[in-house]
Protein backbone atom coordinates (compact mmCIF):
# COMPACT_ATOMS: atom_id res chain seq x y z
CA MET A 1 70.74 149.15 -30.52
CA SER A 2 68.44 146.49 -31.98
CA ARG A 3 65.10 147.66 -33.25
CA ILE A 4 62.19 145.33 -32.67
CA ASP A 5 60.52 144.42 -35.96
CA ARG A 6 57.00 145.67 -36.62
CA ARG A 7 55.34 142.26 -36.58
CA ARG A 8 56.87 141.47 -33.19
CA PHE A 9 55.74 144.85 -31.85
CA VAL A 10 52.15 144.29 -32.96
CA GLN A 11 52.25 140.91 -31.23
CA LEU A 12 53.88 142.39 -28.18
CA SER A 13 51.56 145.31 -27.65
CA GLY A 14 48.44 143.33 -28.51
CA ALA A 15 45.73 144.13 -30.99
CA GLY A 16 42.86 144.53 -28.59
CA THR A 17 42.81 147.62 -26.44
CA LEU A 18 46.28 147.56 -27.89
CA ALA A 19 48.04 149.06 -24.94
CA ALA A 20 48.46 152.56 -26.35
CA GLY A 21 44.95 153.25 -25.25
CA SER A 22 46.06 152.92 -21.64
CA GLY A 23 46.01 155.32 -18.76
CA GLY A 24 49.82 155.18 -18.56
CA LEU A 25 52.54 153.69 -16.40
CA ALA A 26 51.19 155.08 -13.19
CA ALA A 27 53.95 153.67 -11.02
CA ILE A 28 56.62 155.42 -13.09
CA LEU A 29 54.73 158.68 -13.04
CA ALA A 30 54.10 158.44 -9.30
CA SER A 31 57.78 157.80 -8.60
CA GLY A 32 58.79 161.06 -10.26
CA ARG A 33 61.82 159.34 -11.83
CA ALA A 34 62.35 158.93 -15.54
CA PRO A 35 62.86 155.28 -16.53
CA ALA A 36 65.78 154.17 -18.70
CA TYR A 37 63.95 154.30 -22.02
CA ALA A 38 65.63 153.05 -25.16
CA GLN A 39 66.90 155.98 -27.18
CA GLY A 40 66.29 156.66 -30.84
CA THR A 41 63.10 154.60 -31.08
CA SER A 42 59.94 155.44 -32.99
CA VAL A 43 56.35 154.44 -32.43
CA HIS A 44 53.36 154.79 -34.75
CA TRP A 45 50.18 155.19 -32.72
CA LEU A 46 46.73 155.02 -34.35
CA ARG A 47 43.76 156.49 -32.51
CA TRP A 48 40.47 158.09 -33.37
CA ALA A 49 40.11 161.74 -34.29
CA ASP A 50 38.88 163.30 -31.08
CA PHE A 51 35.51 164.98 -30.82
CA VAL A 52 37.32 167.85 -29.11
CA PRO A 53 39.89 168.97 -31.72
CA ALA A 54 42.01 170.68 -29.08
CA SER A 55 43.01 167.30 -27.65
CA ASP A 56 44.43 166.14 -31.00
CA GLN A 57 46.29 169.43 -31.35
CA LEU A 58 47.75 168.98 -27.88
CA LEU A 59 48.81 165.39 -28.56
CA LYS A 60 50.32 165.96 -32.00
CA GLY A 61 52.04 169.15 -30.89
CA PRO A 62 53.31 169.82 -27.36
CA ILE A 63 53.03 166.26 -26.02
CA THR A 64 54.70 164.64 -29.03
CA GLU A 65 57.46 167.22 -28.91
CA GLN A 66 57.97 166.67 -25.18
CA CYS A 67 58.02 162.93 -25.78
CA GLN A 68 60.95 163.33 -28.17
CA LYS A 69 62.75 165.65 -25.77
CA ASP A 70 62.27 163.66 -22.55
CA LEU A 71 62.21 160.08 -23.80
CA GLY A 72 64.24 160.20 -26.99
CA MET A 73 61.34 158.53 -28.77
CA LYS A 74 59.73 159.76 -31.96
CA LEU A 75 55.99 159.38 -31.54
CA THR A 76 53.92 159.54 -34.72
CA VAL A 77 50.23 160.00 -33.95
CA GLU A 78 47.76 159.18 -36.70
CA THR A 79 44.08 160.01 -36.18
CA ILE A 80 41.20 158.62 -38.22
CA ASN A 81 37.46 158.16 -37.87
CA ALA A 82 36.90 155.64 -35.09
CA ASN A 83 34.64 153.57 -37.34
CA GLU A 84 37.67 152.90 -39.57
CA ILE A 85 39.99 151.60 -36.84
CA GLN A 86 38.90 147.97 -37.00
CA ALA A 87 39.57 147.77 -40.72
CA ARG A 88 43.08 149.11 -40.10
CA ILE A 89 43.68 146.55 -37.34
CA THR A 90 42.63 143.71 -39.62
CA SER A 91 44.83 144.85 -42.50
CA SER A 92 47.80 145.38 -40.16
CA ILE A 93 47.51 141.89 -38.71
CA GLN A 94 47.21 140.32 -42.14
CA SER A 95 50.07 142.26 -43.70
CA GLY A 96 52.38 142.47 -40.71
CA SER A 97 52.74 146.21 -41.29
CA GLY A 98 51.02 149.41 -40.25
CA PRO A 99 50.69 151.19 -36.91
CA ASP A 100 52.47 149.81 -33.86
CA ILE A 101 49.78 150.62 -31.31
CA PHE A 102 46.01 150.90 -31.64
CA ASN A 103 43.52 152.68 -29.40
CA VAL A 104 40.32 150.62 -29.36
CA LEU A 105 37.06 150.23 -27.46
CA THR A 106 34.85 147.97 -25.37
CA ASN A 107 35.12 144.27 -26.29
CA TRP A 108 37.16 144.73 -29.48
CA PRO A 109 40.21 142.91 -28.01
CA GLN A 110 38.22 139.68 -28.11
CA LEU A 111 37.91 139.97 -31.89
CA TYR A 112 41.69 139.87 -32.30
CA ALA A 113 42.63 137.64 -29.37
CA GLY A 114 44.64 135.28 -31.58
CA SER A 115 46.90 138.14 -32.64
CA CYS A 116 47.46 139.63 -29.22
CA ALA A 117 50.42 139.01 -26.97
CA GLU A 118 50.08 138.94 -23.20
CA VAL A 119 50.53 142.35 -21.55
CA GLY A 120 49.75 141.25 -18.03
CA ASP A 121 52.82 142.89 -16.49
CA LEU A 122 51.76 146.33 -17.67
CA ALA A 123 48.05 145.82 -16.92
CA GLU A 124 48.72 144.58 -13.40
CA GLU A 125 51.17 147.41 -12.76
CA LEU A 126 48.57 149.97 -13.72
CA GLY A 127 45.81 148.27 -11.80
CA LYS A 128 47.87 148.03 -8.64
CA ALA A 129 48.96 151.67 -8.83
CA GLN A 130 45.49 153.06 -9.56
CA GLY A 131 43.27 151.00 -7.28
CA GLY A 132 42.32 148.07 -9.49
CA TYR A 133 39.97 147.57 -12.42
CA TYR A 134 36.24 147.27 -12.76
CA ASP A 135 35.20 143.67 -13.40
CA ILE A 136 34.10 144.51 -16.95
CA CYS A 137 37.63 145.68 -17.80
CA ARG A 138 39.08 142.29 -16.95
CA ILE A 139 36.32 140.52 -18.87
CA VAL A 140 36.89 142.36 -22.15
CA ALA A 141 40.69 142.59 -21.95
CA THR A 142 41.58 139.05 -20.87
CA VAL A 143 41.36 135.58 -22.40
CA GLY A 144 41.95 132.52 -20.25
CA GLY A 145 43.24 134.71 -17.45
CA LYS A 146 45.81 136.43 -19.70
CA TRP A 147 45.69 140.14 -20.46
CA ILE A 148 45.48 140.84 -24.21
CA GLY A 149 44.99 144.58 -23.83
CA VAL A 150 45.47 147.35 -21.30
CA PRO A 151 42.30 149.10 -20.07
CA TYR A 152 42.61 152.87 -20.04
CA SER A 153 39.26 154.45 -19.16
CA VAL A 154 35.59 154.04 -18.38
CA GLY A 155 33.46 156.78 -19.90
CA GLY A 156 30.05 157.66 -18.52
CA GLY A 157 27.32 158.61 -20.96
CA LEU A 158 24.95 161.30 -19.72
CA VAL A 159 21.74 162.74 -21.11
CA ALA A 160 22.19 166.37 -22.13
CA TYR A 161 18.85 168.19 -22.31
CA ARG A 162 17.42 171.66 -22.80
CA LYS A 163 16.08 172.89 -19.48
CA SER A 164 13.72 175.46 -20.94
CA TRP A 165 12.09 172.98 -23.31
CA LEU A 166 11.71 170.33 -20.60
CA ALA A 167 10.15 172.98 -18.37
CA GLU A 168 7.60 173.81 -21.07
CA VAL A 169 6.25 170.24 -20.93
CA GLY A 170 6.04 170.01 -17.14
CA TYR A 171 9.59 169.17 -16.07
CA ASP A 172 10.78 172.44 -14.58
CA GLY A 173 13.82 171.76 -12.42
CA LYS A 174 13.54 167.99 -12.78
CA PHE A 175 14.05 165.21 -15.29
CA PRO A 176 11.84 162.18 -16.13
CA ALA A 177 12.34 159.51 -13.47
CA ASN A 178 11.53 156.41 -15.55
CA TRP A 179 10.90 155.25 -19.10
CA ASP A 180 7.17 156.02 -19.00
CA GLU A 181 7.83 159.61 -17.95
CA TYR A 182 10.61 159.91 -20.50
CA ARG A 183 8.23 158.73 -23.22
CA ALA A 184 5.44 161.09 -22.11
CA ALA A 185 7.79 164.08 -22.05
CA GLY A 186 9.22 163.13 -25.43
CA GLN A 187 5.79 162.90 -27.00
CA LYS A 188 5.03 166.48 -25.98
CA LEU A 189 8.43 167.73 -27.07
CA LYS A 190 8.23 166.11 -30.48
CA LYS A 191 4.80 167.62 -31.09
CA ALA A 192 6.31 170.99 -30.19
CA GLY A 193 9.09 170.47 -32.75
CA HIS A 194 11.78 169.50 -30.22
CA PRO A 195 12.23 165.72 -30.47
CA PHE A 196 14.71 163.66 -28.56
CA GLY A 197 17.65 162.47 -30.66
CA GLN A 198 19.64 159.26 -30.44
CA THR A 199 21.69 157.38 -33.00
CA ALA A 200 20.56 153.92 -34.02
CA GLY A 201 23.06 153.70 -36.86
CA HIS A 202 25.99 151.33 -37.28
CA THR A 203 28.58 153.28 -35.32
CA PHE A 204 31.07 152.63 -32.54
CA GLY A 205 30.01 154.75 -29.57
CA ASP A 206 26.70 156.44 -29.09
CA ALA A 207 24.56 153.65 -30.52
CA PRO A 208 25.82 150.81 -28.26
CA GLY A 209 26.36 153.33 -25.46
CA TRP A 210 22.64 154.03 -25.45
CA TRP A 211 20.95 150.82 -26.58
CA TYR A 212 22.90 148.33 -24.50
CA PRO A 213 22.05 150.05 -21.19
CA TYR A 214 18.49 150.46 -22.46
CA LEU A 215 18.28 146.68 -22.92
CA TRP A 216 19.88 146.03 -19.53
CA SER A 217 17.45 148.41 -17.81
CA TRP A 218 14.65 146.03 -18.82
CA GLY A 219 16.53 143.01 -17.50
CA GLY A 220 17.60 141.82 -20.95
CA LYS A 221 21.11 140.69 -21.84
CA GLU A 222 23.05 138.95 -24.60
CA VAL A 223 24.84 136.29 -22.58
CA GLU A 224 24.92 134.86 -19.10
CA THR A 225 27.76 135.65 -16.72
CA ASP A 226 29.64 132.61 -18.04
CA GLY A 227 30.20 134.58 -21.25
CA LYS A 228 29.02 131.63 -23.36
CA THR A 229 25.30 131.00 -22.88
CA VAL A 230 23.28 133.19 -25.27
CA VAL A 231 20.10 134.49 -23.62
CA LEU A 232 19.11 137.40 -25.87
CA ASN A 233 15.82 135.75 -26.85
CA SER A 234 13.97 136.49 -23.62
CA LYS A 235 10.74 138.05 -22.40
CA GLU A 236 12.71 141.04 -21.11
CA THR A 237 14.33 141.65 -24.47
CA LEU A 238 11.01 141.43 -26.31
CA GLU A 239 9.38 143.89 -23.91
CA SER A 240 12.28 146.31 -24.36
CA VAL A 241 11.98 146.12 -28.14
CA LYS A 242 8.23 146.74 -28.08
CA PHE A 243 8.70 149.82 -25.94
CA ALA A 244 11.67 151.00 -28.01
CA VAL A 245 9.67 150.95 -31.24
CA ALA A 246 6.99 153.17 -29.73
CA LEU A 247 9.56 155.39 -28.02
CA TRP A 248 11.40 155.86 -31.31
CA LYS A 249 8.34 156.78 -33.36
CA GLU A 250 6.70 158.97 -30.75
CA THR A 251 9.66 160.88 -29.32
CA MET A 252 12.77 160.65 -31.48
CA ASP A 253 14.18 162.31 -34.58
CA GLU A 254 13.77 159.28 -36.83
CA GLY A 255 16.71 160.36 -38.96
CA GLY A 256 18.81 158.86 -36.17
CA LEU A 257 18.71 155.54 -38.00
CA ALA A 258 21.47 156.95 -40.22
CA TRP A 259 23.41 158.90 -37.58
CA ASP A 260 27.01 158.31 -36.54
CA ASP A 261 28.66 159.55 -33.36
CA THR A 262 28.91 163.14 -34.56
CA SER A 263 25.33 163.50 -35.77
CA ASN A 264 23.61 163.87 -32.41
CA ASN A 265 26.29 166.38 -31.35
CA ARG A 266 25.49 168.58 -34.32
CA ALA A 267 21.74 168.14 -33.87
CA PHE A 268 21.89 169.09 -30.20
CA LEU A 269 24.13 172.12 -30.73
CA SER A 270 21.99 173.37 -33.61
CA GLY A 271 18.79 173.12 -31.57
CA SER A 272 17.27 170.37 -33.71
CA ILE A 273 16.76 168.02 -30.75
CA SER A 274 15.98 168.59 -27.09
CA ALA A 275 17.91 165.74 -25.44
CA THR A 276 20.53 163.15 -26.29
CA ASN A 277 22.72 160.64 -24.49
CA ASN A 278 26.35 161.62 -25.02
CA GLY A 279 29.80 162.08 -23.58
CA GLY A 280 31.03 165.34 -22.10
CA GLN A 281 32.33 166.70 -25.41
CA GLY A 282 28.90 168.08 -26.36
CA CYS A 283 28.94 170.49 -23.43
CA ALA A 284 32.60 171.29 -23.97
CA ASP A 285 32.03 172.05 -27.62
CA GLU A 286 29.09 174.35 -26.93
CA GLY A 287 31.08 176.36 -24.43
CA ARG A 288 33.84 176.86 -27.01
CA HIS A 289 31.55 177.86 -29.88
CA PRO A 290 29.14 180.62 -28.80
CA SER A 291 27.99 180.97 -32.42
CA ARG A 292 26.39 177.54 -32.18
CA GLN A 293 24.25 178.46 -29.18
CA HIS A 294 20.53 178.70 -29.68
CA PRO A 295 19.19 182.26 -29.11
CA ARG A 296 16.55 180.96 -26.69
CA ARG A 297 19.02 179.08 -24.55
CA GLY A 298 22.27 180.95 -24.12
CA ARG A 299 25.36 179.30 -22.72
CA ARG A 300 23.74 177.79 -19.64
CA GLY A 301 20.48 176.63 -21.21
CA PHE A 302 21.33 172.95 -20.99
CA GLN A 303 21.58 170.44 -18.17
CA ARG A 304 23.16 167.05 -17.82
CA ALA A 305 21.44 164.04 -16.29
CA ARG A 306 23.07 160.91 -14.89
CA SER A 307 21.90 157.61 -16.38
CA VAL A 308 21.09 154.87 -13.90
CA HIS A 309 21.09 151.64 -15.91
CA GLN A 310 19.51 149.02 -13.71
CA PRO A 311 16.71 146.48 -14.20
CA GLY A 312 13.33 148.09 -13.65
CA ASP A 313 11.82 151.45 -14.42
CA GLU A 314 14.17 153.82 -12.57
CA ILE A 315 16.56 154.71 -15.36
CA LEU A 316 17.29 158.42 -15.19
CA GLU A 317 18.27 160.66 -12.31
CA GLN A 318 19.01 164.37 -12.46
CA SER A 319 22.52 165.33 -11.51
CA GLY A 320 21.44 168.66 -10.07
CA ARG A 321 24.34 170.71 -11.37
CA ARG A 322 25.55 172.42 -14.50
CA GLU A 323 28.85 171.32 -15.99
CA LYS A 324 31.58 173.65 -17.18
CA VAL A 325 34.06 171.62 -19.17
CA HIS A 326 37.33 172.90 -20.54
CA PRO A 327 38.35 170.48 -23.30
CA LEU A 328 42.00 170.27 -22.28
CA ASP A 329 41.25 169.64 -18.61
CA VAL A 330 39.80 166.22 -19.37
CA VAL A 331 42.37 165.00 -21.88
CA GLU A 332 45.85 166.30 -21.09
CA GLY A 333 46.62 164.00 -18.16
CA ASN A 334 45.46 160.85 -19.91
CA LEU A 335 47.26 161.71 -23.15
CA ARG A 336 50.55 162.29 -21.37
CA GLN A 337 50.21 158.97 -19.55
CA MET A 338 49.45 157.20 -22.84
CA VAL A 339 52.77 158.43 -24.21
CA HIS A 340 54.60 157.07 -21.17
CA LEU A 341 52.92 153.72 -21.66
CA ALA A 342 53.90 153.62 -25.33
CA ALA A 343 57.49 154.24 -24.33
CA GLY A 344 57.29 151.56 -21.65
CA LEU A 345 55.97 149.02 -24.15
CA TYR A 346 58.72 149.81 -26.59
CA ARG A 347 61.34 149.60 -23.86
CA ARG A 348 60.03 146.17 -22.87
CA GLY A 349 60.12 145.10 -26.51
CA ASN A 350 63.75 146.08 -26.87
CA GLN A 351 64.61 144.17 -23.72
CA ASP A 352 62.88 141.10 -25.12
CA VAL A 353 65.08 141.14 -28.21
CA GLY A 354 68.24 142.13 -26.40
CA GLY A 355 68.27 145.74 -27.60
């Protein structure tokens, strides 16, 4: 059997969302039939070290072992800090060596479009099987109508907050409904020693995940819908910046200027801040580590709010329910599907070279 060379594989799988970060070959999974995968292959997959360690343990252990057993493919999973992934992509493209598949984020595929091969067959297969893609997924993962990466998820950021502390400043059973209320509540909380906390550092997730929607909520944006016309210098942007400066000084832990994506997690779990915009792993982590719980709060002393990022003042809406998150519940299905996609990509590569 011919083995596809590493350079060809990097070109084949793309260097944007780089295919391994996909939700999986849904059609194959739905059919319940194992495809005719090439035997004896190996794939090196680079992805970030998960915020929930149990997911990495699951992937590197049981799922990798099952992959070898069911597909005859040796899957090597390497995990690093997500902020280091782009440097690895660049070095791999330049040297023609390194990992075969990369798990990346947001609009990163556009940065490496010249080194990506078209993966439209896989992307369209997934989209058709799972009900289509959001428009933003096509925008960031295509160039000139050609898919250069395979979208795999859309993650919602929610504001986690301490119910008891919000209640102490007048928000018992509710959450601030707009930016002015959010600022007023934060002023009181910071004076009481419980500031809000949000990263403004140079990091991949929580910083853009908070500040982009903040800008959009004021009507500001970087480019027009044509993707070319720069419109950042606008009245809406300037107003958002003015408000952000005051919001930061009056309500936030100002150490957030140096935070990465783990810093607000640690600050929230230690009781240093009263609210932060984050993914679900913060709640999951607290439930798994009772020793990190604040004595005044207990296990159920926090609430999650749903962010509503639209132009105008209405930016935050209470979800009205507590969340119990088991870390493996939210990762196992997607991880298993990612492995199937990796195998499908490799199978397609071997077919391309006559293997």
